[in-house]
Amino acid sequence: MILYNLKKAREQAGLTMDDMGNALGISKVAYWKIEHGKTKLSYKNAVIISKKVNKPAEDIFLQDELINKELKGVTA
């Protein structure tokens, strides 16, 4: 699943995947895997990302989780 809010926040901040990878100390490919849900995201990296895009972490990550649960018919 593509983490839509993560991608949207990055793009709104005018940042590339290279920029995000550099901020996290990882490659562009490793960041791509995070953004596409192929690699789990640590709390530490979620905080770094939220600061980099200047948005609260819950606005970026929590909403995706809630939407995913709703699509599967599970309520929070």
PDB file of N, CA and C in Angstrom:
ATOM      1  N   MET A   1       0.837  -1.190   0.000  1.00  0.00           N
ATOM      2  CA  MET A   1       0.000   0.000   0.000  1.00  0.00           C
ATOM      3  C   MET A   1       0.878   1.249   0.000  1.00  0.00           C
ATOM      4  N   ILE A   2       0.580   2.168  -0.847  1.00  0.00           N
ATOM      5  CA  ILE A   2       1.300   3.443  -0.849  1.00  0.00           C
ATOM      6  C   ILE A   2       0.785   4.277   0.312  1.00  0.00           C
ATOM      7  N   LEU A   3       1.707   4.804   1.097  1.00  0.00           N
ATOM      8  CA  LEU A   3       1.319   5.680   2.205  1.00  0.00           C
ATOM      9  C   LEU A   3       1.067   7.060   1.613  1.00  0.00           C
ATOM     10  N   TYR A   4      -0.161   7.252   1.153  1.00  0.00           N
ATOM     11  CA  TYR A   4      -0.533   8.452   0.412  1.00  0.00           C
ATOM     12  C   TYR A   4      -0.201   9.731   1.168  1.00  0.00           C
ATOM     13  N   ASN A   5      -0.509   9.773   2.457  1.00  0.00           N
ATOM     14  CA  ASN A   5      -0.265  11.004   3.211  1.00  0.00           C
ATOM     15  C   ASN A   5       1.219  11.320   3.319  1.00  0.00           C
ATOM     16  N   LEU A   6       2.048  10.298   3.385  1.00  0.00           N
ATOM     17  CA  LEU A   6       3.492  10.508   3.446  1.00  0.00           C
ATOM     18  C   LEU A   6       3.984  11.120   2.144  1.00  0.00           C
ATOM     19  N   LYS A   7       3.577  10.541   1.049  1.00  0.00           N
ATOM     20  CA  LYS A   7       3.976  11.065  -0.263  1.00  0.00           C
ATOM     21  C   LYS A   7       3.458  12.489  -0.449  1.00  0.00           C
ATOM     22  N   LYS A   8       2.206  12.702  -0.110  1.00  0.00           N
ATOM     23  CA  LYS A   8       1.580  14.019  -0.252  1.00  0.00           C
ATOM     24  C   LYS A   8       2.313  15.065   0.601  1.00  0.00           C
ATOM     25  N   ALA A   9       2.632  14.715   1.839  1.00  0.00           N
ATOM     26  CA  ALA A   9       3.342  15.650   2.731  1.00  0.00           C
ATOM     27  C   ALA A   9       4.723  15.982   2.178  1.00  0.00           C
ATOM     28  N   ARG A  10       5.415  14.965   1.674  1.00  0.00           N
ATOM     29  CA  ARG A  10       6.745  15.188   1.099  1.00  0.00           C
ATOM     30  C   ARG A  10       6.656  16.118  -0.094  1.00  0.00           C
ATOM     31  N   GLU A  11       5.721  15.855  -0.989  1.00  0.00           N
ATOM     32  CA  GLU A  11       5.573  16.680  -2.189  1.00  0.00           C
ATOM     33  C   GLU A  11       5.152  18.107  -1.847  1.00  0.00           C
ATOM     34  N   GLN A  12       4.243  18.266  -0.881  1.00  0.00           N
ATOM     35  CA  GLN A  12       3.812  19.608  -0.472  1.00  0.00           C
ATOM     36  C   GLN A  12       4.962  20.402   0.127  1.00  0.00           C
ATOM     37  N   ALA A  13       5.905  19.703   0.754  1.00  0.00           N
ATOM     38  CA  ALA A  13       7.065  20.371   1.331  1.00  0.00           C
ATOM     39  C   ALA A  13       8.137  20.654   0.276  1.00  0.00           C
ATOM     40  N   GLY A  14       7.879  20.214  -0.955  1.00  0.00           N
ATOM     41  CA  GLY A  14       8.828  20.446  -2.044  1.00  0.00           C
ATOM     42  C   GLY A  14      10.080  19.590  -1.929  1.00  0.00           C
ATOM     43  N   LEU A  15       9.943  18.411  -1.325  1.00  0.00           N
ATOM     44  CA  LEU A  15      11.080  17.535  -1.095  1.00  0.00           C
ATOM     45  C   LEU A  15      11.045  16.330  -2.022  1.00  0.00           C
ATOM     46  N   THR A  16      12.219  15.866  -2.396  1.00  0.00           N
ATOM     47  CA  THR A  16      12.333  14.672  -3.224  1.00  0.00           C
ATOM     48  C   THR A  16      12.578  13.457  -2.334  1.00  0.00           C
ATOM     49  N   MET A  17      12.515  12.297  -2.926  1.00  0.00           N
ATOM     50  CA  MET A  17      12.854  11.088  -2.186  1.00  0.00           C
ATOM     51  C   MET A  17      14.317  11.104  -1.766  1.00  0.00           C
ATOM     52  N   ASP A  18      15.169  11.695  -2.597  1.00  0.00           N
ATOM     53  CA  ASP A  18      16.582  11.868  -2.233  1.00  0.00           C
ATOM     54  C   ASP A  18      16.717  12.726  -0.981  1.00  0.00           C
ATOM     55  N   ASP A  19      15.962  13.827  -0.925  1.00  0.00           N
ATOM     56  CA  ASP A  19      15.999  14.708   0.244  1.00  0.00           C
ATOM     57  C   ASP A  19      15.612  13.944   1.508  1.00  0.00           C
ATOM     58  N   MET A  20      14.551  13.163   1.403  1.00  0.00           N
ATOM     59  CA  MET A  20      14.073  12.417   2.567  1.00  0.00           C
ATOM     60  C   MET A  20      15.077  11.341   2.973  1.00  0.00           C
ATOM     61  N   GLY A  21      15.616  10.646   1.996  1.00  0.00           N
ATOM     62  CA  GLY A  21      16.625   9.637   2.295  1.00  0.00           C
ATOM     63  C   GLY A  21      17.820  10.241   3.001  1.00  0.00           C
ATOM     64  N   ASN A  22      18.267  11.387   2.511  1.00  0.00           N
ATOM     65  CA  ASN A  22      19.403  12.067   3.139  1.00  0.00           C
ATOM     66  C   ASN A  22      19.089  12.467   4.579  1.00  0.00           C
ATOM     67  N   ALA A  23      17.880  12.953   4.817  1.00  0.00           N
ATOM     68  CA  ALA A  23      17.485  13.358   6.171  1.00  0.00           C
ATOM     69  C   ALA A  23      17.467  12.170   7.122  1.00  0.00           C
ATOM     70  N   LEU A  24      17.139  10.993   6.588  1.00  0.00           N
ATOM     71  CA  LEU A  24      17.056   9.786   7.414  1.00  0.00           C
ATOM     72  C   LEU A  24      18.368   9.007   7.439  1.00  0.00           C
ATOM     73  N   GLY A  25      19.314   9.412   6.596  1.00  0.00           N
ATOM     74  CA  GLY A  25      20.595   8.697   6.528  1.00  0.00           C
ATOM     75  C   GLY A  25      20.472   7.373   5.782  1.00  0.00           C
ATOM     76  N   ILE A  26      19.549   7.334   4.807  1.00  0.00           N
ATOM     77  CA  ILE A  26      19.343   6.126   4.013  1.00  0.00           C
ATOM     78  C   ILE A  26      19.326   6.500   2.535  1.00  0.00           C
ATOM     79  N   SER A  27      19.313   5.505   1.673  1.00  0.00           N
ATOM     80  CA  SER A  27      19.289   5.774   0.232  1.00  0.00           C
ATOM     81  C   SER A  27      17.881   6.156  -0.234  1.00  0.00           C
ATOM     82  N   LYS A  28      17.829   6.682  -1.451  1.00  0.00           N
ATOM     83  CA  LYS A  28      16.546   7.007  -2.073  1.00  0.00           C
ATOM     84  C   LYS A  28      15.694   5.741  -2.197  1.00  0.00           C
ATOM     85  N   VAL A  29      16.313   4.630  -2.566  1.00  0.00           N
ATOM     86  CA  VAL A  29      15.588   3.364  -2.713  1.00  0.00           C
ATOM     87  C   VAL A  29      15.019   2.906  -1.368  1.00  0.00           C
ATOM     88  N   ALA A  30      15.808   3.032  -0.308  1.00  0.00           N
ATOM     89  CA  ALA A  30      15.332   2.651   1.027  1.00  0.00           C
ATOM     90  C   ALA A  30      14.157   3.533   1.444  1.00  0.00           C
ATOM     91  N   TYR A  31      14.224   4.820   1.124  1.00  0.00           N
ATOM     92  CA  TYR A  31      13.098   5.712   1.431  1.00  0.00           C
ATOM     93  C   TYR A  31      11.877   5.331   0.599  1.00  0.00           C
ATOM     94  N   TRP A  32      12.082   5.025  -0.681  1.00  0.00           N
ATOM     95  CA  TRP A  32      10.978   4.605  -1.542  1.00  0.00           C
ATOM     96  C   TRP A  32      10.250   3.418  -0.913  1.00  0.00           C
ATOM     97  N   LYS A  33      10.999   2.485  -0.357  1.00  0.00           N
ATOM     98  CA  LYS A  33      10.404   1.306   0.279  1.00  0.00           C
ATOM     99  C   LYS A  33       9.540   1.698   1.476  1.00  0.00           C
ATOM    100  N   ILE A  34       9.955   2.709   2.215  1.00  0.00           N
ATOM    101  CA  ILE A  34       9.136   3.205   3.337  1.00  0.00           C
ATOM    102  C   ILE A  34       7.849   3.813   2.798  1.00  0.00           C
ATOM    103  N   GLU A  35       7.980   4.668   1.804  1.00  0.00           N
ATOM    104  CA  GLU A  35       6.824   5.379   1.259  1.00  0.00           C
ATOM    105  C   GLU A  35       5.822   4.425   0.609  1.00  0.00           C
ATOM    106  N   HIS A  36       6.285   3.291   0.157  1.00  0.00           N
ATOM    107  CA  HIS A  36       5.414   2.313  -0.498  1.00  0.00           C
ATOM    108  C   HIS A  36       5.049   1.134   0.411  1.00  0.00           C
ATOM    109  N   GLY A  37       5.361   1.256   1.694  1.00  0.00           N
ATOM    110  CA  GLY A  37       4.955   0.240   2.655  1.00  0.00           C
ATOM    111  C   GLY A  37       5.710  -1.068   2.561  1.00  0.00           C
ATOM    112  N   LYS A  38       6.863  -1.063   1.924  1.00  0.00           N
ATOM    113  CA  LYS A  38       7.670  -2.276   1.780  1.00  0.00           C
ATOM    114  C   LYS A  38       8.598  -2.476   2.970  1.00  0.00           C
ATOM    115  N   THR A  39       8.870  -1.399   3.690  1.00  0.00           N
ATOM    116  CA  THR A  39       9.737  -1.425   4.864  1.00  0.00           C
ATOM    117  C   THR A  39       9.011  -0.727   6.001  1.00  0.00           C
ATOM    118  N   LYS A  40       9.086  -1.307   7.179  1.00  0.00           N
ATOM    119  CA  LYS A  40       8.464  -0.680   8.340  1.00  0.00           C
ATOM    120  C   LYS A  40       9.228   0.579   8.728  1.00  0.00           C
ATOM    121  N   LEU A  41       8.499   1.515   9.256  1.00  0.00           N
ATOM    122  CA  LEU A  41       9.058   2.803   9.652  1.00  0.00           C
ATOM    123  C   LEU A  41       9.217   2.839  11.162  1.00  0.00           C
ATOM    124  N   SER A  42      10.402   3.188  11.622  1.00  0.00           N
ATOM    125  CA  SER A  42      10.631   3.301  13.062  1.00  0.00           C
ATOM    126  C   SER A  42      10.028   4.611  13.576  1.00  0.00           C
ATOM    127  N   TYR A  43       9.774   4.637  14.867  1.00  0.00           N
ATOM    128  CA  TYR A  43       9.248   5.859  15.493  1.00  0.00           C
ATOM    129  C   TYR A  43      10.228   7.016  15.285  1.00  0.00           C
ATOM    130  N   LYS A  44      11.503   6.736  15.469  1.00  0.00           N
ATOM    131  CA  LYS A  44      12.539   7.766  15.308  1.00  0.00           C
ATOM    132  C   LYS A  44      12.478   8.379  13.906  1.00  0.00           C
ATOM    133  N   ASN A  45      12.374   7.540  12.884  1.00  0.00           N
ATOM    134  CA  ASN A  45      12.320   8.058  11.520  1.00  0.00           C
ATOM    135  C   ASN A  45      11.002   8.776  11.240  1.00  0.00           C
ATOM    136  N   ALA A  46       9.913   8.328  11.859  1.00  0.00           N
ATOM    137  CA  ALA A  46       8.636   9.025  11.700  1.00  0.00           C
ATOM    138  C   ALA A  46       8.736  10.447  12.251  1.00  0.00           C
ATOM    139  N   VAL A  47       9.423  10.592  13.375  1.00  0.00           N
ATOM    140  CA  VAL A  47       9.608  11.922  13.974  1.00  0.00           C
ATOM    141  C   VAL A  47      10.472  12.787  13.064  1.00  0.00           C
ATOM    142  N   ILE A  48      11.546  12.219  12.527  1.00  0.00           N
ATOM    143  CA  ILE A  48      12.426  12.969  11.617  1.00  0.00           C
ATOM    144  C   ILE A  48      11.638  13.426  10.388  1.00  0.00           C
ATOM    145  N   ILE A  49      10.853  12.531   9.837  1.00  0.00           N
ATOM    146  CA  ILE A  49      10.044  12.881   8.658  1.00  0.00           C
ATOM    147  C   ILE A  49       9.052  13.985   8.982  1.00  0.00           C
ATOM    148  N   SER A  50       8.369  13.873  10.109  1.00  0.00           N
ATOM    149  CA  SER A  50       7.366  14.887  10.448  1.00  0.00           C
ATOM    150  C   SER A  50       8.002  16.258  10.621  1.00  0.00           C
ATOM    151  N   LYS A  51       9.194  16.299  11.192  1.00  0.00           N
ATOM    152  CA  LYS A  51       9.898  17.582  11.328  1.00  0.00           C
ATOM    153  C   LYS A  51      10.331  18.111   9.970  1.00  0.00           C
ATOM    154  N   LYS A  52      10.805  17.224   9.108  1.00  0.00           N
ATOM    155  CA  LYS A  52      11.287  17.629   7.786  1.00  0.00           C
ATOM    156  C   LYS A  52      10.156  18.215   6.936  1.00  0.00           C
ATOM    157  N   VAL A  53       8.960  17.629   7.028  1.00  0.00           N
ATOM    158  CA  VAL A  53       7.833  18.127   6.227  1.00  0.00           C
ATOM    159  C   VAL A  53       6.973  19.126   6.992  1.00  0.00           C
ATOM    160  N   ASN A  54       7.345  19.378   8.253  1.00  0.00           N
ATOM    161  CA  ASN A  54       6.666  20.359   9.096  1.00  0.00           C
ATOM    162  C   ASN A  54       5.180  20.038   9.306  1.00  0.00           C
ATOM    163  N   LYS A  55       4.911  18.758   9.601  1.00  0.00           N
ATOM    164  CA  LYS A  55       3.550  18.311   9.912  1.00  0.00           C
ATOM    165  C   LYS A  55       3.622  17.345  11.082  1.00  0.00           C
ATOM    166  N   PRO A  56       2.585  17.310  11.925  1.00  0.00           N
ATOM    167  CA  PRO A  56       2.567  16.336  13.023  1.00  0.00           C
ATOM    168  C   PRO A  56       2.561  14.908  12.468  1.00  0.00           C
ATOM    169  N   ALA A  57       3.295  14.025  13.134  1.00  0.00           N
ATOM    170  CA  ALA A  57       3.392  12.635  12.686  1.00  0.00           C
ATOM    171  C   ALA A  57       2.018  11.985  12.561  1.00  0.00           C
ATOM    172  N   GLU A  58       1.112  12.294  13.484  1.00  0.00           N
ATOM    173  CA  GLU A  58      -0.209  11.658  13.423  1.00  0.00           C
ATOM    174  C   GLU A  58      -0.991  12.080  12.187  1.00  0.00           C
ATOM    175  N   ASP A  59      -0.750  13.292  11.689  1.00  0.00           N
ATOM    176  CA  ASP A  59      -1.429  13.731  10.468  1.00  0.00           C
ATOM    177  C   ASP A  59      -0.926  12.960   9.246  1.00  0.00           C
ATOM    178  N   ILE A  60       0.320  12.532   9.300  1.00  0.00           N
ATOM    179  CA  ILE A  60       0.909  11.816   8.172  1.00  0.00           C
ATOM    180  C   ILE A  60       0.608  10.320   8.244  1.00  0.00           C
ATOM    181  N   PHE A  61       0.802   9.735   9.412  1.00  0.00           N
ATOM    182  CA  PHE A  61       0.786   8.276   9.526  1.00  0.00           C
ATOM    183  C   PHE A  61      -0.501   7.692  10.092  1.00  0.00           C
ATOM    184  N   LEU A  62      -1.101   8.321  11.058  1.00  0.00           N
ATOM    185  CA  LEU A  62      -2.267   7.743  11.716  1.00  0.00           C
ATOM    186  C   LEU A  62      -3.458   7.646  10.782  1.00  0.00           C
ATOM    187  N   GLN A  63      -3.684   8.658   9.991  1.00  0.00           N
ATOM    188  CA  GLN A  63      -4.837   8.664   9.105  1.00  0.00           C
ATOM    189  C   GLN A  63      -4.769   7.497   8.121  1.00  0.00           C
ATOM    190  N   ASP A  64      -3.584   7.184   7.602  1.00  0.00           N
ATOM    191  CA  ASP A  64      -3.447   6.042   6.698  1.00  0.00           C
ATOM    192  C   ASP A  64      -3.874   4.757   7.391  1.00  0.00           C
ATOM    193  N   GLU A  65      -3.471   4.599   8.650  1.00  0.00           N
ATOM    194  CA  GLU A  65      -3.817   3.405   9.406  1.00  0.00           C
ATOM    195  C   GLU A  65      -5.325   3.323   9.612  1.00  0.00           C
ATOM    196  N   LEU A  66      -5.962   4.433   9.939  1.00  0.00           N
ATOM    197  CA  LEU A  66      -7.414   4.441  10.147  1.00  0.00           C
ATOM    198  C   LEU A  66      -8.161   4.145   8.850  1.00  0.00           C
ATOM    199  N   ILE A  67      -7.716   4.720   7.763  1.00  0.00           N
ATOM    200  CA  ILE A  67      -8.348   4.473   6.468  1.00  0.00           C
ATOM    201  C   ILE A  67      -8.210   3.004   6.098  1.00  0.00           C
ATOM    202  N   ASN A  68      -7.033   2.446   6.312  1.00  0.00           N
ATOM    203  CA  ASN A  68      -6.796   1.044   5.997  1.00  0.00           C
ATOM    204  C   ASN A  68      -7.731   0.142   6.800  1.00  0.00           C
ATOM    205  N   LYS A  69      -7.928   0.440   8.088  1.00  0.00           N
ATOM    206  CA  LYS A  69      -8.823  -0.350   8.924  1.00  0.00           C
ATOM    207  C   LYS A  69     -10.269  -0.220   8.442  1.00  0.00           C
ATOM    208  N   GLU A  70     -10.662   0.979   8.057  1.00  0.00           N
ATOM    209  CA  GLU A  70     -12.022   1.193   7.585  1.00  0.00           C
ATOM    210  C   GLU A  70     -12.265   0.409   6.289  1.00  0.00           C
ATOM    211  N   LEU A  71     -11.272   0.377   5.411  1.00  0.00           N
ATOM    212  CA  LEU A  71     -11.417  -0.362   4.165  1.00  0.00           C
ATOM    213  C   LEU A  71     -11.567  -1.860   4.415  1.00  0.00           C
ATOM    214  N   LYS A  72     -10.994  -2.328   5.491  1.00  0.00           N
ATOM    215  CA  LYS A  72     -11.094  -3.746   5.843  1.00  0.00           C
ATOM    216  C   LYS A  72     -12.306  -4.029   6.727  1.00  0.00           C
ATOM    217  N   GLY A  73     -13.091  -2.995   7.043  1.00  0.00           N
ATOM    218  CA  GLY A  73     -14.282  -3.185   7.846  1.00  0.00           C
ATOM    219  C   GLY A  73     -14.032  -3.256   9.337  1.00  0.00           C
ATOM    220  N   VAL A  74     -12.868  -2.783   9.771  1.00  0.00           N
ATOM    221  CA  VAL A  74     -12.527  -2.777  11.191  1.00  0.00           C
ATOM    222  C   VAL A  74     -12.627  -1.351  11.693  1.00  0.00           C
ATOM    223  N   THR A  75     -13.245  -1.158  12.832  1.00  0.00           N
ATOM    224  CA  THR A  75     -13.345   0.182  13.395  1.00  0.00           C
ATOM    225  C   THR A  75     -12.269   0.382  14.430  1.00  0.00           C
ATOM    226  N   ALA A  76     -11.849   1.620  14.590  1.00  0.00           N
ATOM    227  CA  ALA A  76     -10.788   1.957  15.545  1.00  0.00           C
ATOM    228  C   ALA A  76     -11.313   1.957  16.965  1.00  0.00           C
TER     229      ALA A  76
END
